[in-house]
């Protein structure tokens, strides 16, 4: 575990997003860092594809969405 120095504006954005996403501030920052790293190393993938891949690797089964 370590300390990462970030600007006040980014910290405030993380705090706001963490409230919306029901995550701790640290968990929200970790999520953004992980997704950012995956996006940099997989530039052809969209955000949704990255999340879907991570869910699949974690063996999470999501219910199918029915068309309206």
PDB file of N, CA and C in Angstrom:
ATOM      1  N   UNK A   1       0.850  -1.168   0.000  1.00  0.00           N
ATOM      2  CA  UNK A   1       0.000   0.000   0.000  1.00  0.00           C
ATOM      3  C   UNK A   1       0.894   1.228   0.000  1.00  0.00           C
ATOM      4  N   UNK A   2       0.454   2.257  -0.691  1.00  0.00           N
ATOM      5  CA  UNK A   2       1.236   3.477  -0.770  1.00  0.00           C
ATOM      6  C   UNK A   2       0.325   4.684  -0.821  1.00  0.00           C
ATOM      7  N   UNK A   3       0.955   5.814  -0.910  1.00  0.00           N
ATOM      8  CA  UNK A   3       0.218   7.071  -1.001  1.00  0.00           C
ATOM      9  C   UNK A   3       0.449   7.640  -2.389  1.00  0.00           C
ATOM     10  N   UNK A   4      -0.625   8.044  -3.036  1.00  0.00           N
ATOM     11  CA  UNK A   4      -0.550   8.664  -4.353  1.00  0.00           C
ATOM     12  C   UNK A   4      -1.015  10.100  -4.212  1.00  0.00           C
ATOM     13  N   UNK A   5      -0.193  11.030  -4.657  1.00  0.00           N
ATOM     14  CA  UNK A   5      -0.559  12.433  -4.577  1.00  0.00           C
ATOM     15  C   UNK A   5      -1.334  12.817  -5.832  1.00  0.00           C
ATOM     16  N   UNK A   6      -2.528  13.355  -5.621  1.00  0.00           N
ATOM     17  CA  UNK A   6      -3.354  13.826  -6.738  1.00  0.00           C
ATOM     18  C   UNK A   6      -3.827  15.236  -6.421  1.00  0.00           C
ATOM     19  N   UNK A   7      -4.237  15.940  -7.452  1.00  0.00           N
ATOM     20  CA  UNK A   7      -4.711  17.302  -7.273  1.00  0.00           C
ATOM     21  C   UNK A   7      -6.061  17.356  -6.571  1.00  0.00           C
ATOM     22  N   UNK A   8      -6.337  18.521  -6.009  1.00  0.00           N
ATOM     23  CA  UNK A   8      -7.602  18.708  -5.285  1.00  0.00           C
ATOM     24  C   UNK A   8      -8.812  18.511  -6.183  1.00  0.00           C
ATOM     25  N   UNK A   9      -8.730  18.981  -7.434  1.00  0.00           N
ATOM     26  CA  UNK A   9      -9.863  18.847  -8.353  1.00  0.00           C
ATOM     27  C   UNK A   9     -10.177  17.401  -8.672  1.00  0.00           C
ATOM     28  N   UNK A  10      -9.139  16.616  -8.943  1.00  0.00           N
ATOM     29  CA  UNK A  10      -9.342  15.196  -9.231  1.00  0.00           C
ATOM     30  C   UNK A  10      -9.872  14.473  -8.000  1.00  0.00           C
ATOM     31  N   UNK A  11      -9.340  14.822  -6.830  1.00  0.00           N
ATOM     32  CA  UNK A  11      -9.833  14.193  -5.599  1.00  0.00           C
ATOM     33  C   UNK A  11     -11.327  14.481  -5.414  1.00  0.00           C
ATOM     34  N   UNK A  12     -11.737  15.696  -5.696  1.00  0.00           N
ATOM     35  CA  UNK A  12     -13.155  16.054  -5.568  1.00  0.00           C
ATOM     36  C   UNK A  12     -13.998  15.267  -6.574  1.00  0.00           C
ATOM     37  N   UNK A  13     -13.494  15.110  -7.799  1.00  0.00           N
ATOM     38  CA  UNK A  13     -14.227  14.321  -8.802  1.00  0.00           C
ATOM     39  C   UNK A  13     -14.348  12.863  -8.364  1.00  0.00           C
ATOM     40  N   UNK A  14     -13.281  12.321  -7.788  1.00  0.00           N
ATOM     41  CA  UNK A  14     -13.320  10.943  -7.285  1.00  0.00           C
ATOM     42  C   UNK A  14     -14.338  10.828  -6.151  1.00  0.00           C
ATOM     43  N   UNK A  15     -14.338  11.808  -5.257  1.00  0.00           N
ATOM     44  CA  UNK A  15     -15.280  11.786  -4.132  1.00  0.00           C
ATOM     45  C   UNK A  15     -16.719  11.791  -4.646  1.00  0.00           C
ATOM     46  N   UNK A  16     -17.014  12.667  -5.609  1.00  0.00           N
ATOM     47  CA  UNK A  16     -18.375  12.754  -6.160  1.00  0.00           C
ATOM     48  C   UNK A  16     -18.758  11.450  -6.855  1.00  0.00           C
ATOM     49  N   UNK A  17     -17.849  10.922  -7.682  1.00  0.00           N
ATOM     50  CA  UNK A  17     -18.137   9.680  -8.405  1.00  0.00           C
ATOM     51  C   UNK A  17     -18.319   8.518  -7.443  1.00  0.00           C
ATOM     52  N   UNK A  18     -17.532   8.494  -6.374  1.00  0.00           N
ATOM     53  CA  UNK A  18     -17.641   7.387  -5.421  1.00  0.00           C
ATOM     54  C   UNK A  18     -19.009   7.364  -4.753  1.00  0.00           C
ATOM     55  N   UNK A  19     -19.578   8.538  -4.534  1.00  0.00           N
ATOM     56  CA  UNK A  19     -20.917   8.613  -3.945  1.00  0.00           C
ATOM     57  C   UNK A  19     -21.952   8.030  -4.900  1.00  0.00           C
ATOM     58  N   UNK A  20     -21.858   8.407  -6.161  1.00  0.00           N
ATOM     59  CA  UNK A  20     -22.808   7.921  -7.168  1.00  0.00           C
ATOM     60  C   UNK A  20     -22.675   6.417  -7.368  1.00  0.00           C
ATOM     61  N   UNK A  21     -21.434   5.932  -7.383  1.00  0.00           N
ATOM     62  CA  UNK A  21     -21.184   4.527  -7.675  1.00  0.00           C
ATOM     63  C   UNK A  21     -21.201   3.635  -6.435  1.00  0.00           C
ATOM     64  N   UNK A  22     -21.511   4.210  -5.270  1.00  0.00           N
ATOM     65  CA  UNK A  22     -21.574   3.460  -4.010  1.00  0.00           C
ATOM     66  C   UNK A  22     -20.267   2.731  -3.715  1.00  0.00           C
ATOM     67  N   UNK A  23     -19.161   3.452  -3.926  1.00  0.00           N
ATOM     68  CA  UNK A  23     -17.829   2.926  -3.627  1.00  0.00           C
ATOM     69  C   UNK A  23     -17.153   3.884  -2.656  1.00  0.00           C
ATOM     70  N   UNK A  24     -16.152   3.392  -1.952  1.00  0.00           N
ATOM     71  CA  UNK A  24     -15.335   4.289  -1.161  1.00  0.00           C
ATOM     72  C   UNK A  24     -14.509   5.144  -2.121  1.00  0.00           C
ATOM     73  N   UNK A  25     -13.957   6.233  -1.620  1.00  0.00           N
ATOM     74  CA  UNK A  25     -13.105   7.077  -2.463  1.00  0.00           C
ATOM     75  C   UNK A  25     -11.928   6.255  -2.981  1.00  0.00           C
ATOM     76  N   UNK A  26     -11.315   5.465  -2.114  1.00  0.00           N
ATOM     77  CA  UNK A  26     -10.181   4.640  -2.540  1.00  0.00           C
ATOM     78  C   UNK A  26     -10.591   3.610  -3.589  1.00  0.00           C
ATOM     79  N   UNK A  27     -11.745   2.980  -3.403  1.00  0.00           N
ATOM     80  CA  UNK A  27     -12.208   1.987  -4.369  1.00  0.00           C
ATOM     81  C   UNK A  27     -12.489   2.634  -5.715  1.00  0.00           C
ATOM     82  N   UNK A  28     -13.052   3.843  -5.714  1.00  0.00           N
ATOM     83  CA  UNK A  28     -13.326   4.543  -6.968  1.00  0.00           C
ATOM     84  C   UNK A  28     -12.021   4.885  -7.677  1.00  0.00           C
ATOM     85  N   UNK A  29     -11.045   5.373  -6.930  1.00  0.00           N
ATOM     86  CA  UNK A  29      -9.742   5.698  -7.524  1.00  0.00           C
ATOM     87  C   UNK A  29      -9.095   4.428  -8.095  1.00  0.00           C
ATOM     88  N   UNK A  30      -9.140   3.333  -7.349  1.00  0.00           N
ATOM     89  CA  UNK A  30      -8.579   2.075  -7.834  1.00  0.00           C
ATOM     90  C   UNK A  30      -9.268   1.616  -9.110  1.00  0.00           C
ATOM     91  N   UNK A  31     -10.590   1.753  -9.167  1.00  0.00           N
ATOM     92  CA  UNK A  31     -11.347   1.361 -10.357  1.00  0.00           C
ATOM     93  C   UNK A  31     -10.896   2.180 -11.556  1.00  0.00           C
ATOM     94  N   UNK A  32     -10.833   3.503 -11.386  1.00  0.00           N
ATOM     95  CA  UNK A  32     -10.411   4.356 -12.498  1.00  0.00           C
ATOM     96  C   UNK A  32      -8.982   4.045 -12.928  1.00  0.00           C
ATOM     97  N   UNK A  33      -8.097   3.785 -11.983  1.00  0.00           N
ATOM     98  CA  UNK A  33      -6.709   3.460 -12.318  1.00  0.00           C
ATOM     99  C   UNK A  33      -6.653   2.144 -13.099  1.00  0.00           C
ATOM    100  N   UNK A  34      -7.379   1.144 -12.623  1.00  0.00           N
ATOM    101  CA  UNK A  34      -7.374  -0.159 -13.298  1.00  0.00           C
ATOM    102  C   UNK A  34      -7.929  -0.047 -14.705  1.00  0.00           C
ATOM    103  N   UNK A  35      -9.060   0.619 -14.856  1.00  0.00           N
ATOM    104  CA  UNK A  35      -9.662   0.766 -16.185  1.00  0.00           C
ATOM    105  C   UNK A  35      -8.734   1.566 -17.101  1.00  0.00           C
ATOM    106  N   UNK A  36      -8.104   2.602 -16.554  1.00  0.00           N
ATOM    107  CA  UNK A  36      -7.168   3.390 -17.351  1.00  0.00           C
ATOM    108  C   UNK A  36      -5.987   2.568 -17.826  1.00  0.00           C
ATOM    109  N   UNK A  37      -5.433   1.742 -16.950  1.00  0.00           N
ATOM    110  CA  UNK A  37      -4.316   0.869 -17.333  1.00  0.00           C
ATOM    111  C   UNK A  37      -4.747  -0.117 -18.415  1.00  0.00           C
ATOM    112  N   UNK A  38      -5.940  -0.706 -18.236  1.00  0.00           N
ATOM    113  CA  UNK A  38      -6.444  -1.648 -19.236  1.00  0.00           C
ATOM    114  C   UNK A  38      -6.719  -0.954 -20.569  1.00  0.00           C
ATOM    115  N   UNK A  39      -7.220   0.270 -20.519  1.00  0.00           N
ATOM    116  CA  UNK A  39      -7.491   1.014 -21.751  1.00  0.00           C
ATOM    117  C   UNK A  39      -6.193   1.346 -22.482  1.00  0.00           C
ATOM    118  N   UNK A  40      -5.157   1.717 -21.741  1.00  0.00           N
ATOM    119  CA  UNK A  40      -3.870   2.024 -22.375  1.00  0.00           C
ATOM    120  C   UNK A  40      -3.240   0.795 -23.008  1.00  0.00           C
ATOM    121  N   UNK A  41      -3.398  -0.347 -22.376  1.00  0.00           N
ATOM    122  CA  UNK A  41      -2.784  -1.560 -22.904  1.00  0.00           C
ATOM    123  C   UNK A  41      -3.665  -2.284 -23.920  1.00  0.00           C
ATOM    124  N   UNK A  42      -4.919  -1.863 -24.040  1.00  0.00           N
ATOM    125  CA  UNK A  42      -5.872  -2.441 -25.006  1.00  0.00           C
ATOM    126  C   UNK A  42      -6.609  -1.315 -25.717  1.00  0.00           C
ATOM    127  N   UNK A  43      -5.912  -0.509 -26.513  1.00  0.00           N
ATOM    128  CA  UNK A  43      -6.522   0.698 -27.093  1.00  0.00           C
ATOM    129  C   UNK A  43      -7.676   0.445 -28.055  1.00  0.00           C
ATOM    130  N   UNK A  44      -7.802  -0.765 -28.554  1.00  0.00           N
ATOM    131  CA  UNK A  44      -8.900  -1.040 -29.486  1.00  0.00           C
ATOM    132  C   UNK A  44     -10.201  -1.392 -28.768  1.00  0.00           C
ATOM    133  N   UNK A  45     -10.142  -1.590 -27.440  1.00  0.00           N
ATOM    134  CA  UNK A  45     -11.338  -1.976 -26.683  1.00  0.00           C
ATOM    135  C   UNK A  45     -12.065  -0.751 -26.144  1.00  0.00           C
ATOM    136  N   UNK A  46     -13.394  -0.822 -26.144  1.00  0.00           N
ATOM    137  CA  UNK A  46     -14.202   0.233 -25.532  1.00  0.00           C
ATOM    138  C   UNK A  46     -14.263   0.002 -24.021  1.00  0.00           C
ATOM    139  N   UNK A  47     -14.747   1.006 -23.309  1.00  0.00           N
ATOM    140  CA  UNK A  47     -14.943   0.877 -21.864  1.00  0.00           C
ATOM    141  C   UNK A  47     -15.837  -0.319 -21.563  1.00  0.00           C
ATOM    142  N   UNK A  48     -16.958  -0.427 -22.276  1.00  0.00           N
ATOM    143  CA  UNK A  48     -17.894  -1.527 -22.019  1.00  0.00           C
ATOM    144  C   UNK A  48     -17.255  -2.891 -22.285  1.00  0.00           C
ATOM    145  N   UNK A  49     -16.412  -2.972 -23.304  1.00  0.00           N
ATOM    146  CA  UNK A  49     -15.724  -4.238 -23.591  1.00  0.00           C
ATOM    147  C   UNK A  49     -14.737  -4.581 -22.478  1.00  0.00           C
ATOM    148  N   UNK A  50     -14.049  -3.573 -21.975  1.00  0.00           N
ATOM    149  CA  UNK A  50     -13.101  -3.799 -20.876  1.00  0.00           C
ATOM    150  C   UNK A  50     -13.832  -4.308 -19.646  1.00  0.00           C
ATOM    151  N   UNK A  51     -14.937  -3.666 -19.287  1.00  0.00           N
ATOM    152  CA  UNK A  51     -15.705  -4.086 -18.116  1.00  0.00           C
ATOM    153  C   UNK A  51     -16.270  -5.493 -18.326  1.00  0.00           C
ATOM    154  N   UNK A  52     -16.799  -5.761 -19.519  1.00  0.00           N
ATOM    155  CA  UNK A  52     -17.348  -7.091 -19.804  1.00  0.00           C
ATOM    156  C   UNK A  52     -16.258  -8.160 -19.685  1.00  0.00           C
ATOM    157  N   UNK A  53     -15.065  -7.866 -20.190  1.00  0.00           N
ATOM    158  CA  UNK A  53     -13.955  -8.817 -20.096  1.00  0.00           C
ATOM    159  C   UNK A  53     -13.580  -9.071 -18.639  1.00  0.00           C
ATOM    160  N   UNK A  54     -13.528  -8.028 -17.837  1.00  0.00           N
ATOM    161  CA  UNK A  54     -13.173  -8.179 -16.423  1.00  0.00           C
ATOM    162  C   UNK A  54     -14.228  -8.995 -15.680  1.00  0.00           C
ATOM    163  N   UNK A  55     -15.494  -8.756 -15.990  1.00  0.00           N
ATOM    164  CA  UNK A  55     -16.570  -9.528 -15.362  1.00  0.00           C
ATOM    165  C   UNK A  55     -16.475 -10.994 -15.760  1.00  0.00           C
ATOM    166  N   UNK A  56     -16.186 -11.257 -17.030  1.00  0.00           N
ATOM    167  CA  UNK A  56     -16.054 -12.631 -17.505  1.00  0.00           C
ATOM    168  C   UNK A  56     -14.885 -13.322 -16.813  1.00  0.00           C
ATOM    169  N   UNK A  57     -13.746 -12.625 -16.691  1.00  0.00           N
ATOM    170  CA  UNK A  57     -12.582 -13.205 -16.027  1.00  0.00           C
ATOM    171  C   UNK A  57     -12.845 -13.485 -14.550  1.00  0.00           C
ATOM    172  N   UNK A  58     -13.762 -12.708 -13.954  1.00  0.00           N
ATOM    173  CA  UNK A  58     -14.123 -12.918 -12.554  1.00  0.00           C
ATOM    174  C   UNK A  58     -15.252 -13.941 -12.413  1.00  0.00           C
ATOM    175  N   UNK A  59     -15.673 -14.527 -13.545  1.00  0.00           N
ATOM    176  CA  UNK A  59     -16.732 -15.534 -13.576  1.00  0.00           C
ATOM    177  C   UNK A  59     -18.063 -14.988 -13.049  1.00  0.00           C
ATOM    178  N   UNK A  60     -18.360 -13.745 -13.422  1.00  0.00           N
ATOM    179  CA  UNK A  60     -19.634 -13.130 -13.058  1.00  0.00           C
ATOM    180  C   UNK A  60     -20.614 -13.355 -14.190  1.00  0.00           C
ATOM    181  N   UNK A  61     -21.780 -13.883 -13.862  1.00  0.00           N
ATOM    182  CA  UNK A  61     -22.822 -14.111 -14.868  1.00  0.00           C
ATOM    183  C   UNK A  61     -23.886 -13.025 -14.721  1.00  0.00           C
ATOM    184  N   UNK A  62     -24.086 -12.283 -15.777  1.00  0.00           N
ATOM    185  CA  UNK A  62     -25.080 -11.214 -15.760  1.00  0.00           C
ATOM    186  C   UNK A  62     -26.351 -11.685 -16.446  1.00  0.00           C
ATOM    187  N   UNK A  63     -27.504 -11.238 -15.973  1.00  0.00           N
ATOM    188  CA  UNK A  63     -28.743 -11.632 -16.631  1.00  0.00           C
ATOM    189  C   UNK A  63     -28.830 -10.994 -18.018  1.00  0.00           C
ATOM    190  N   UNK A  64     -29.461 -11.706 -18.925  1.00  0.00           N
ATOM    191  CA  UNK A  64     -29.637 -11.189 -20.284  1.00  0.00           C
ATOM    192  C   UNK A  64     -30.630 -10.025 -20.271  1.00  0.00           C
ATOM    193  N   UNK A  65     -30.372  -9.045 -21.110  1.00  0.00           N
ATOM    194  CA  UNK A  65     -31.265  -7.904 -21.253  1.00  0.00           C
ATOM    195  C   UNK A  65     -32.211  -8.197 -22.401  1.00  0.00           C
ATOM    196  N   UNK A  66     -33.504  -8.057 -22.142  1.00  0.00           N
ATOM    197  CA  UNK A  66     -34.501  -8.317 -23.185  1.00  0.00           C
ATOM    198  C   UNK A  66     -34.806  -7.031 -23.919  1.00  0.00           C
ATOM    199  N   UNK A  67     -34.941  -7.134 -25.242  1.00  0.00           N
ATOM    200  CA  UNK A  67     -35.264  -5.967 -26.050  1.00  0.00           C
ATOM    201  C   UNK A  67     -36.699  -5.524 -25.781  1.00  0.00           C
ATOM    202  N   UNK A  68     -36.895  -4.224 -25.821  1.00  0.00           N
ATOM    203  CA  UNK A  68     -38.236  -3.686 -25.536  1.00  0.00           C
ATOM    204  C   UNK A  68     -39.142  -3.790 -26.724  1.00  0.00           C
TER     205      UNK A  68
END
